[in-house]
Amino acid sequence: MLIPRFNLWVENEGEVVISCWRACLLRAIDETGSITAAAAELEVPYRRAWERIQDMERCLGAPLVTTEIGGSQGGGSRLTPEGRVLLSRFDKFAQGFDEEVQTRFRESFE
């Protein structure tokens, strides 16, 4: 059975800034309040998640995630206003692509 697949991402000077996977990473950080928990949720090593965050921040020249070291209050991570804007814009951009791909696939392969 044929199944269409696609990947969507945004680049800056040839480097990936945000993709569907990276948006999931930012969303998981926002929901869990932790890079460690977000990495576990996405089943990737913490190091890979942290490297992708750093890649995005370097490409954009802006912090997307803030982190606080543990202690009596506990640590955690959260999206910066820039991180929230990026995620919101990507979600708006990506909205409807899956349906469009499915429609075009049906028109082309049925």
N, C-alpha and C. Protein backbone atom coordinates (compact mmCIF):
# COMPACT_ATOMS: atom_id res chain seq x y z
N MET A 1 0.84 -1.18 0.00
CA MET A 1 0.00 0.00 0.00
C MET A 1 0.89 1.25 0.00
N LEU A 2 0.62 2.14 -0.90
CA LEU A 2 1.39 3.38 -1.01
C LEU A 2 0.88 4.41 0.00
N ILE A 3 1.82 5.04 0.67
CA ILE A 3 1.49 6.06 1.68
C ILE A 3 2.38 7.27 1.43
N PRO A 4 1.79 8.45 1.29
CA PRO A 4 2.63 9.64 1.08
C PRO A 4 3.29 10.09 2.37
N ARG A 5 4.50 10.57 2.25
CA ARG A 5 5.25 11.13 3.38
C ARG A 5 5.87 12.45 2.93
N PHE A 6 6.00 13.36 3.85
CA PHE A 6 6.67 14.62 3.56
C PHE A 6 7.25 15.17 4.85
N ASN A 7 8.20 16.05 4.71
CA ASN A 7 8.76 16.73 5.86
C ASN A 7 8.79 18.21 5.53
N LEU A 8 8.53 19.01 6.51
CA LEU A 8 8.44 20.46 6.33
C LEU A 8 9.42 21.12 7.28
N TRP A 9 10.20 22.05 6.75
CA TRP A 9 11.12 22.80 7.61
C TRP A 9 11.37 24.16 7.01
N VAL A 10 11.96 25.03 7.83
CA VAL A 10 12.32 26.39 7.43
C VAL A 10 13.81 26.55 7.65
N GLU A 11 14.49 27.10 6.65
CA GLU A 11 15.94 27.29 6.72
C GLU A 11 16.29 28.77 6.77
N ASN A 12 17.49 29.01 7.25
CA ASN A 12 18.09 30.34 7.20
C ASN A 12 19.50 30.13 6.67
N GLU A 13 19.77 30.64 5.49
CA GLU A 13 21.08 30.49 4.85
C GLU A 13 21.54 29.03 4.80
N GLY A 14 20.60 28.15 4.42
CA GLY A 14 20.93 26.74 4.23
C GLY A 14 20.93 25.89 5.49
N GLU A 15 20.65 26.49 6.65
CA GLU A 15 20.62 25.72 7.89
C GLU A 15 19.18 25.64 8.40
N VAL A 16 18.81 24.46 8.87
CA VAL A 16 17.45 24.27 9.38
C VAL A 16 17.27 25.08 10.66
N VAL A 17 16.24 25.90 10.66
CA VAL A 17 15.89 26.67 11.85
C VAL A 17 14.83 25.91 12.63
N ILE A 18 13.75 25.56 11.95
CA ILE A 18 12.68 24.83 12.61
C ILE A 18 12.07 23.85 11.62
N SER A 19 11.67 22.72 12.16
CA SER A 19 11.05 21.65 11.38
C SER A 19 9.89 21.11 12.22
N CYS A 20 9.17 20.16 11.67
CA CYS A 20 8.08 19.55 12.44
C CYS A 20 8.63 18.93 13.72
N TRP A 21 9.76 18.23 13.62
CA TRP A 21 10.34 17.60 14.80
C TRP A 21 10.81 18.65 15.82
N ARG A 22 11.45 19.68 15.34
CA ARG A 22 11.94 20.71 16.26
C ARG A 22 10.77 21.45 16.91
N ALA A 23 9.68 21.62 16.17
CA ALA A 23 8.47 22.22 16.77
C ALA A 23 7.93 21.31 17.86
N CYS A 24 7.95 20.00 17.63
CA CYS A 24 7.52 19.05 18.67
C CYS A 24 8.41 19.16 19.90
N LEU A 25 9.71 19.35 19.69
CA LEU A 25 10.64 19.51 20.80
C LEU A 25 10.29 20.76 21.61
N LEU A 26 10.10 21.88 20.94
CA LEU A 26 9.75 23.12 21.65
C LEU A 26 8.43 22.96 22.39
N ARG A 27 7.45 22.32 21.75
CA ARG A 27 6.14 22.11 22.37
C ARG A 27 6.28 21.23 23.62
N ALA A 28 7.10 20.17 23.52
CA ALA A 28 7.30 19.27 24.66
C ALA A 28 7.99 19.98 25.81
N ILE A 29 8.94 20.86 25.51
CA ILE A 29 9.60 21.65 26.56
C ILE A 29 8.58 22.54 27.23
N ASP A 30 7.73 23.17 26.42
CA ASP A 30 6.70 24.06 26.95
C ASP A 30 5.73 23.30 27.85
N GLU A 31 5.36 22.10 27.44
CA GLU A 31 4.39 21.32 28.20
C GLU A 31 4.98 20.68 29.45
N THR A 32 6.23 20.22 29.38
CA THR A 32 6.83 19.51 30.51
C THR A 32 7.64 20.41 31.43
N GLY A 33 8.08 21.56 30.91
CA GLY A 33 8.92 22.44 31.70
C GLY A 33 10.33 21.91 31.88
N SER A 34 10.74 21.01 30.97
CA SER A 34 12.04 20.36 31.13
C SER A 34 12.56 19.87 29.79
N ILE A 35 13.83 20.17 29.52
CA ILE A 35 14.46 19.63 28.31
C ILE A 35 14.63 18.12 28.47
N THR A 36 15.00 17.67 29.65
CA THR A 36 15.18 16.25 29.91
C THR A 36 13.88 15.49 29.66
N ALA A 37 12.79 15.97 30.21
CA ALA A 37 11.49 15.31 30.03
C ALA A 37 11.04 15.37 28.58
N ALA A 38 11.30 16.49 27.92
CA ALA A 38 10.93 16.62 26.51
C ALA A 38 11.72 15.62 25.66
N ALA A 39 13.01 15.49 25.93
CA ALA A 39 13.83 14.53 25.19
C ALA A 39 13.32 13.11 25.42
N ALA A 40 12.98 12.79 26.65
CA ALA A 40 12.46 11.45 26.96
C ALA A 40 11.14 11.22 26.23
N GLU A 41 10.29 12.22 26.20
CA GLU A 41 8.99 12.10 25.51
C GLU A 41 9.19 11.83 24.02
N LEU A 42 10.21 12.47 23.43
CA LEU A 42 10.50 12.30 22.01
C LEU A 42 11.45 11.13 21.74
N GLU A 43 11.86 10.47 22.81
CA GLU A 43 12.73 9.30 22.71
C GLU A 43 14.06 9.60 22.00
N VAL A 44 14.67 10.71 22.42
CA VAL A 44 16.00 11.08 21.92
C VAL A 44 16.88 11.40 23.13
N PRO A 45 18.19 11.28 22.97
CA PRO A 45 19.07 11.65 24.07
C PRO A 45 18.95 13.14 24.39
N TYR A 46 19.16 13.47 25.66
CA TYR A 46 19.14 14.87 26.10
C TYR A 46 20.09 15.69 25.24
N ARG A 47 21.28 15.16 24.98
CA ARG A 47 22.29 15.89 24.22
C ARG A 47 21.77 16.30 22.84
N ARG A 48 21.07 15.40 22.15
CA ARG A 48 20.53 15.73 20.83
C ARG A 48 19.50 16.86 20.93
N ALA A 49 18.63 16.78 21.93
CA ALA A 49 17.63 17.84 22.11
C ALA A 49 18.31 19.17 22.38
N TRP A 50 19.30 19.18 23.27
CA TRP A 50 20.01 20.41 23.61
C TRP A 50 20.74 20.97 22.40
N GLU A 51 21.37 20.09 21.60
CA GLU A 51 22.07 20.55 20.41
C GLU A 51 21.11 21.19 19.41
N ARG A 52 19.93 20.63 19.24
CA ARG A 52 18.96 21.20 18.31
C ARG A 52 18.47 22.56 18.78
N ILE A 53 18.29 22.71 20.07
CA ILE A 53 17.90 24.02 20.62
C ILE A 53 19.00 25.04 20.32
N GLN A 54 20.24 24.65 20.58
CA GLN A 54 21.37 25.55 20.32
C GLN A 54 21.47 25.89 18.83
N ASP A 55 21.23 24.91 17.95
CA ASP A 55 21.26 25.16 16.51
C ASP A 55 20.22 26.21 16.12
N MET A 56 19.00 26.05 16.64
CA MET A 56 17.93 27.00 16.31
C MET A 56 18.28 28.39 16.81
N GLU A 57 18.78 28.48 18.04
CA GLU A 57 19.12 29.78 18.62
C GLU A 57 20.24 30.45 17.85
N ARG A 58 21.24 29.66 17.44
CA ARG A 58 22.35 30.22 16.66
C ARG A 58 21.86 30.75 15.32
N CYS A 59 21.02 29.98 14.65
CA CYS A 59 20.50 30.41 13.34
C CYS A 59 19.66 31.67 13.42
N LEU A 60 18.94 31.82 14.51
CA LEU A 60 18.06 32.98 14.66
C LEU A 60 18.71 34.14 15.40
N GLY A 61 19.79 33.84 16.13
CA GLY A 61 20.43 34.89 16.91
C GLY A 61 19.59 35.35 18.08
N ALA A 62 18.77 34.44 18.61
CA ALA A 62 17.90 34.79 19.73
C ALA A 62 17.70 33.56 20.61
N PRO A 63 17.59 33.75 21.92
CA PRO A 63 17.31 32.62 22.81
C PRO A 63 15.87 32.15 22.65
N LEU A 64 15.67 30.85 22.58
CA LEU A 64 14.33 30.28 22.45
C LEU A 64 13.88 29.58 23.72
N VAL A 65 14.86 29.15 24.54
CA VAL A 65 14.57 28.41 25.77
C VAL A 65 15.43 28.99 26.88
N THR A 66 14.83 29.18 28.03
CA THR A 66 15.60 29.56 29.22
C THR A 66 15.62 28.38 30.17
N THR A 67 16.73 28.24 30.87
CA THR A 67 16.85 27.14 31.82
C THR A 67 17.22 27.69 33.18
N GLU A 68 16.74 27.01 34.20
CA GLU A 68 17.08 27.36 35.57
C GLU A 68 17.63 26.11 36.24
N ILE A 69 18.76 26.26 36.90
CA ILE A 69 19.39 25.15 37.61
C ILE A 69 18.50 24.77 38.79
N GLY A 70 18.53 23.50 39.17
CA GLY A 70 17.74 22.99 40.31
C GLY A 70 18.00 23.74 41.59
N GLY A 71 17.74 23.14 42.69
CA GLY A 71 17.87 23.78 44.00
C GLY A 71 16.59 23.53 44.77
N SER A 72 16.37 24.32 45.79
CA SER A 72 15.19 24.10 46.62
C SER A 72 13.89 24.31 45.84
N GLN A 73 13.92 25.19 44.86
CA GLN A 73 12.73 25.44 44.05
C GLN A 73 12.65 24.51 42.84
N GLY A 74 13.70 23.73 42.62
CA GLY A 74 13.73 22.87 41.45
C GLY A 74 14.14 23.68 40.23
N GLY A 75 14.62 23.01 39.23
CA GLY A 75 15.04 23.68 38.01
C GLY A 75 13.93 23.61 36.98
N GLY A 76 14.30 23.84 35.77
CA GLY A 76 13.31 23.73 34.72
C GLY A 76 13.71 24.55 33.50
N SER A 77 12.92 24.39 32.48
CA SER A 77 13.14 25.11 31.22
C SER A 77 11.80 25.62 30.73
N ARG A 78 11.86 26.75 30.05
CA ARG A 78 10.64 27.28 29.45
C ARG A 78 10.98 28.04 28.18
N LEU A 79 9.99 28.19 27.34
CA LEU A 79 10.20 28.93 26.10
C LEU A 79 10.26 30.42 26.40
N THR A 80 11.13 31.10 25.70
CA THR A 80 11.19 32.56 25.77
C THR A 80 10.05 33.10 24.91
N PRO A 81 9.78 34.40 25.00
CA PRO A 81 8.78 34.97 24.09
C PRO A 81 9.14 34.70 22.62
N GLU A 82 10.43 34.76 22.28
CA GLU A 82 10.86 34.47 20.91
C GLU A 82 10.58 33.03 20.53
N GLY A 83 10.77 32.11 21.49
CA GLY A 83 10.47 30.70 21.25
C GLY A 83 8.99 30.48 21.02
N ARG A 84 8.16 31.15 21.78
CA ARG A 84 6.70 31.02 21.60
C ARG A 84 6.26 31.58 20.25
N VAL A 85 6.84 32.71 19.86
CA VAL A 85 6.49 33.30 18.56
C VAL A 85 6.91 32.37 17.42
N LEU A 86 8.13 31.84 17.49
CA LEU A 86 8.60 30.94 16.45
C LEU A 86 7.69 29.72 16.34
N LEU A 87 7.35 29.11 17.47
CA LEU A 87 6.48 27.94 17.45
C LEU A 87 5.11 28.28 16.90
N SER A 88 4.56 29.39 17.30
CA SER A 88 3.25 29.81 16.81
C SER A 88 3.27 30.06 15.30
N ARG A 89 4.30 30.73 14.82
CA ARG A 89 4.40 31.01 13.39
C ARG A 89 4.57 29.73 12.57
N PHE A 90 5.40 28.81 13.08
CA PHE A 90 5.59 27.55 12.36
C PHE A 90 4.29 26.75 12.34
N ASP A 91 3.59 26.70 13.47
CA ASP A 91 2.32 25.97 13.51
C ASP A 91 1.33 26.56 12.52
N LYS A 92 1.28 27.89 12.45
CA LYS A 92 0.37 28.54 11.50
C LYS A 92 0.78 28.21 10.07
N PHE A 93 2.06 28.25 9.78
CA PHE A 93 2.58 27.93 8.45
C PHE A 93 2.28 26.48 8.07
N ALA A 94 2.48 25.55 9.01
CA ALA A 94 2.34 24.12 8.72
C ALA A 94 0.88 23.66 8.66
N GLN A 95 -0.01 24.45 9.21
CA GLN A 95 -1.42 24.05 9.26
C GLN A 95 -1.96 23.79 7.86
N GLY A 96 -2.55 22.63 7.68
CA GLY A 96 -3.19 22.30 6.41
C GLY A 96 -2.32 21.55 5.43
N PHE A 97 -1.00 21.48 5.66
CA PHE A 97 -0.13 20.78 4.72
C PHE A 97 -0.47 19.30 4.63
N ASP A 98 -0.71 18.66 5.77
CA ASP A 98 -1.00 17.23 5.77
C ASP A 98 -2.25 16.93 4.94
N GLU A 99 -3.29 17.72 5.13
CA GLU A 99 -4.52 17.52 4.37
C GLU A 99 -4.28 17.74 2.88
N GLU A 100 -3.50 18.75 2.55
CA GLU A 100 -3.19 19.03 1.14
C GLU A 100 -2.42 17.89 0.51
N VAL A 101 -1.44 17.34 1.24
CA VAL A 101 -0.66 16.22 0.72
C VAL A 101 -1.58 15.02 0.49
N GLN A 102 -2.45 14.73 1.45
CA GLN A 102 -3.37 13.60 1.31
C GLN A 102 -4.30 13.79 0.10
N THR A 103 -4.81 14.99 -0.07
CA THR A 103 -5.70 15.28 -1.20
C THR A 103 -4.96 15.10 -2.53
N ARG A 104 -3.78 15.67 -2.63
CA ARG A 104 -3.01 15.57 -3.87
C ARG A 104 -2.59 14.13 -4.15
N PHE A 105 -2.30 13.38 -3.09
CA PHE A 105 -1.95 11.99 -3.27
C PHE A 105 -3.13 11.20 -3.83
N ARG A 106 -4.29 11.39 -3.23
CA ARG A 106 -5.49 10.70 -3.73
C ARG A 106 -5.76 11.05 -5.20
N GLU A 107 -5.64 12.32 -5.54
CA GLU A 107 -5.88 12.76 -6.92
C GLU A 107 -4.86 12.15 -7.88
N SER A 108 -3.66 11.91 -7.43
CA SER A 108 -2.59 11.43 -8.31
C SER A 108 -2.50 9.91 -8.36
N PHE A 109 -2.89 9.22 -7.30
CA PHE A 109 -2.65 7.78 -7.23
C PHE A 109 -3.90 6.91 -7.22
N GLU A 110 -5.07 7.49 -7.12
CA GLU A 110 -6.27 6.65 -7.14
C GLU A 110 -6.76 6.41 -8.54
